[in-house]
Amino acid sequence: MDFISILSIFVLACFVGYYVVWSVTPALHTPLMAVTNAISSVIVVGALVASAAEGSPLAKWLGLGAVVLASVNIFGGFAVTERMLAMYRKKGASKTGALKTGKGGGGR
């Protein structure tokens, strides 16, 4: 593929991603963060494969950069997801919630 085709696909993907994320209801932002963390982990695996392949030194440096940036994205995503899930916890509840104490909220 030539450069213009690749650039066109990238720009189109940026627009589609922008509109998909902004059209998601706030209740679904936490699952969306989990999915983007999973996608970033696939990018890390691909970047590791690209870095290990025989080829130009530029490919190795680009692979290293992709690994670093995707790793930052994964760890930041987990931190944001943890903060979003903390909003749904009751005040004074531990991180493990009722599972550790055995006191559920079943109401029977």
C-alpha atoms as a PDB file:
ATOM      1  CA  MET A   1       0.000   0.000   0.000  1.00  0.00           C
ATOM      2  CA  ASP A   2       1.172   3.488  -0.676  1.00  0.00           C
ATOM      3  CA  PHE A   3       1.518   6.184   1.962  1.00  0.00           C
ATOM      4  CA  ILE A   4      -1.676   8.063   0.994  1.00  0.00           C
ATOM      5  CA  SER A   5      -3.824   4.936   1.438  1.00  0.00           C
ATOM      6  CA  ILE A   6      -2.339   4.194   4.845  1.00  0.00           C
ATOM      7  CA  LEU A   7      -2.743   7.820   5.945  1.00  0.00           C
ATOM      8  CA  SER A   8      -6.369   7.850   4.746  1.00  0.00           C
ATOM      9  CA  ILE A   9      -7.169   4.711   6.741  1.00  0.00           C
ATOM     10  CA  PHE A  10      -5.520   6.213   9.829  1.00  0.00           C
ATOM     11  CA  VAL A  11      -7.485   9.480   9.571  1.00  0.00           C
ATOM     12  CA  LEU A  12     -10.743   7.591   8.992  1.00  0.00           C
ATOM     13  CA  ALA A  13     -10.043   5.373  12.025  1.00  0.00           C
ATOM     14  CA  CYS A  14      -9.390   8.486  14.142  1.00  0.00           C
ATOM     15  CA  PHE A  15     -12.740  10.008  13.184  1.00  0.00           C
ATOM     16  CA  VAL A  16     -14.661   6.761  13.713  1.00  0.00           C
ATOM     17  CA  GLY A  17     -12.979   6.185  17.086  1.00  0.00           C
ATOM     18  CA  TYR A  18     -13.729   9.735  18.213  1.00  0.00           C
ATOM     19  CA  TYR A  19     -17.425   9.486  17.390  1.00  0.00           C
ATOM     20  CA  VAL A  20     -17.778   5.987  18.849  1.00  0.00           C
ATOM     21  CA  VAL A  21     -16.221   6.971  22.183  1.00  0.00           C
ATOM     22  CA  TRP A  22     -18.235  10.177  22.532  1.00  0.00           C
ATOM     23  CA  SER A  23     -21.513   8.397  21.711  1.00  0.00           C
ATOM     24  CA  VAL A  24     -21.078   5.842  24.527  1.00  0.00           C
ATOM     25  CA  THR A  25     -23.308   6.453  27.535  1.00  0.00           C
ATOM     26  CA  PRO A  26     -21.472   7.231  30.799  1.00  0.00           C
ATOM     27  CA  ALA A  27     -22.580   3.926  32.346  1.00  0.00           C
ATOM     28  CA  LEU A  28     -20.599   2.026  29.717  1.00  0.00           C
ATOM     29  CA  HIS A  29     -17.329   3.927  30.047  1.00  0.00           C
ATOM     30  CA  THR A  30     -15.857   1.384  32.485  1.00  0.00           C
ATOM     31  CA  PRO A  31     -16.328  -1.603  30.133  1.00  0.00           C
ATOM     32  CA  LEU A  32     -15.020   0.537  27.288  1.00  0.00           C
ATOM     33  CA  MET A  33     -11.850   1.227  29.290  1.00  0.00           C
ATOM     34  CA  ALA A  34     -11.427  -2.509  29.893  1.00  0.00           C
ATOM     35  CA  VAL A  35     -11.696  -3.215  26.164  1.00  0.00           C
ATOM     36  CA  THR A  36      -9.173  -0.519  25.276  1.00  0.00           C
ATOM     37  CA  ASN A  37      -6.761  -1.991  27.830  1.00  0.00           C
ATOM     38  CA  ALA A  38      -7.135  -5.358  26.091  1.00  0.00           C
ATOM     39  CA  ILE A  39      -6.486  -3.772  22.694  1.00  0.00           C
ATOM     40  CA  SER A  40      -3.386  -2.061  24.055  1.00  0.00           C
ATOM     41  CA  SER A  41      -2.084  -5.399  25.296  1.00  0.00           C
ATOM     42  CA  VAL A  42      -2.425  -6.794  21.760  1.00  0.00           C
ATOM     43  CA  ILE A  43      -0.461  -3.772  20.511  1.00  0.00           C
ATOM     44  CA  VAL A  44       2.308  -4.560  23.009  1.00  0.00           C
ATOM     45  CA  VAL A  45       2.544  -8.124  21.691  1.00  0.00           C
ATOM     46  CA  GLY A  46       2.680  -6.882  18.095  1.00  0.00           C
ATOM     47  CA  ALA A  47       5.315  -4.308  18.975  1.00  0.00           C
ATOM     48  CA  LEU A  48       7.438  -6.971  20.669  1.00  0.00           C
ATOM     49  CA  VAL A  49       7.214  -9.134  17.541  1.00  0.00           C
ATOM     50  CA  ALA A  50       8.138  -6.157  15.352  1.00  0.00           C
ATOM     51  CA  SER A  51      11.073  -5.294  17.603  1.00  0.00           C
ATOM     52  CA  ALA A  52      12.431  -8.834  17.557  1.00  0.00           C
ATOM     53  CA  ALA A  53      12.205  -9.241  13.770  1.00  0.00           C
ATOM     54  CA  GLU A  54      15.287  -8.973  11.616  1.00  0.00           C
ATOM     55  CA  GLY A  55      15.317  -5.706   9.778  1.00  0.00           C
ATOM     56  CA  SER A  56      16.328  -2.125   9.987  1.00  0.00           C
ATOM     57  CA  PRO A  57      17.280  -0.483  13.282  1.00  0.00           C
ATOM     58  CA  LEU A  58      14.436   1.982  12.702  1.00  0.00           C
ATOM     59  CA  ALA A  59      11.913  -0.864  13.056  1.00  0.00           C
ATOM     60  CA  LYS A  60      13.466  -1.866  16.368  1.00  0.00           C
ATOM     61  CA  TRP A  61      13.292   1.689  17.712  1.00  0.00           C
ATOM     62  CA  LEU A  62       9.709   2.129  16.525  1.00  0.00           C
ATOM     63  CA  GLY A  63       8.821  -1.193  18.169  1.00  0.00           C
ATOM     64  CA  LEU A  64      10.439  -0.065  21.413  1.00  0.00           C
ATOM     65  CA  GLY A  65       8.510   3.202  21.285  1.00  0.00           C
ATOM     66  CA  ALA A  66       5.269   1.317  20.654  1.00  0.00           C
ATOM     67  CA  VAL A  67       5.935  -0.987  23.613  1.00  0.00           C
ATOM     68  CA  VAL A  68       6.623   1.953  25.929  1.00  0.00           C
ATOM     69  CA  LEU A  69       3.610   4.006  24.831  1.00  0.00           C
ATOM     70  CA  ALA A  70       1.188   1.072  24.888  1.00  0.00           C
ATOM     71  CA  SER A  71       2.465   0.050  28.340  1.00  0.00           C
ATOM     72  CA  VAL A  72       1.860   3.564  29.665  1.00  0.00           C
ATOM     73  CA  ASN A  73      -1.617   3.415  28.130  1.00  0.00           C
ATOM     74  CA  ILE A  74      -2.356   0.070  29.796  1.00  0.00           C
ATOM     75  CA  PHE A  75      -1.201   1.121  33.271  1.00  0.00           C
ATOM     76  CA  GLY A  76      -2.948   4.482  33.007  1.00  0.00           C
ATOM     77  CA  GLY A  77      -6.107   2.758  31.819  1.00  0.00           C
ATOM     78  CA  PHE A  78      -6.095   0.411  34.786  1.00  0.00           C
ATOM     79  CA  ALA A  79      -5.629   3.361  37.147  1.00  0.00           C
ATOM     80  CA  VAL A  80      -8.537   5.251  35.587  1.00  0.00           C
ATOM     81  CA  THR A  81     -10.719   2.122  35.589  1.00  0.00           C
ATOM     82  CA  GLU A  82      -9.995   1.602  39.294  1.00  0.00           C
ATOM     83  CA  ARG A  83     -11.040   5.175  40.038  1.00  0.00           C
ATOM     84  CA  MET A  84     -14.210   4.773  37.978  1.00  0.00           C
ATOM     85  CA  LEU A  85     -15.126   1.554  39.794  1.00  0.00           C
ATOM     86  CA  ALA A  86     -14.473   3.255  43.146  1.00  0.00           C
ATOM     87  CA  MET A  87     -17.314   5.657  42.376  1.00  0.00           C
ATOM     88  CA  TYR A  88     -19.765   2.733  42.507  1.00  0.00           C
ATOM     89  CA  ARG A  89     -18.608   1.452  45.913  1.00  0.00           C
ATOM     90  CA  LYS A  90     -20.485   2.345  49.046  1.00  0.00           C
ATOM     91  CA  LYS A  91     -18.793   4.617  51.554  1.00  0.00           C
ATOM     92  CA  GLY A  92     -16.570   2.694  53.956  1.00  0.00           C
ATOM     93  CA  ALA A  93     -16.572  -0.499  51.874  1.00  0.00           C
ATOM     94  CA  SER A  94     -13.276  -2.225  51.269  1.00  0.00           C
ATOM     95  CA  LYS A  95     -11.886  -2.800  47.791  1.00  0.00           C
ATOM     96  CA  THR A  96     -12.990  -6.434  47.862  1.00  0.00           C
ATOM     97  CA  GLY A  97     -16.451  -5.416  49.008  1.00  0.00           C
ATOM     98  CA  ALA A  98     -18.895  -7.883  50.496  1.00  0.00           C
ATOM     99  CA  LEU A  99     -17.123 -10.942  49.093  1.00  0.00           C
ATOM    100  CA  LYS A 100     -14.483 -10.940  51.809  1.00  0.00           C
ATOM    101  CA  THR A 101     -16.858 -10.414  54.739  1.00  0.00           C
ATOM    102  CA  GLY A 102     -19.558 -12.768  53.489  1.00  0.00           C
ATOM    103  CA  LYS A 103     -22.243 -10.130  53.993  1.00  0.00           C
ATOM    104  CA  GLY A 104     -24.025  -9.691  50.714  1.00  0.00           C
ATOM    105  CA  GLY A 105     -26.596  -7.156  49.729  1.00  0.00           C
ATOM    106  CA  GLY A 106     -29.183  -9.810  48.785  1.00  0.00           C
ATOM    107  CA  GLY A 107     -31.823  -8.549  51.203  1.00  0.00           C
ATOM    108  CA  ARG A 108     -33.290 -11.931  52.227  1.00  0.00           C
END
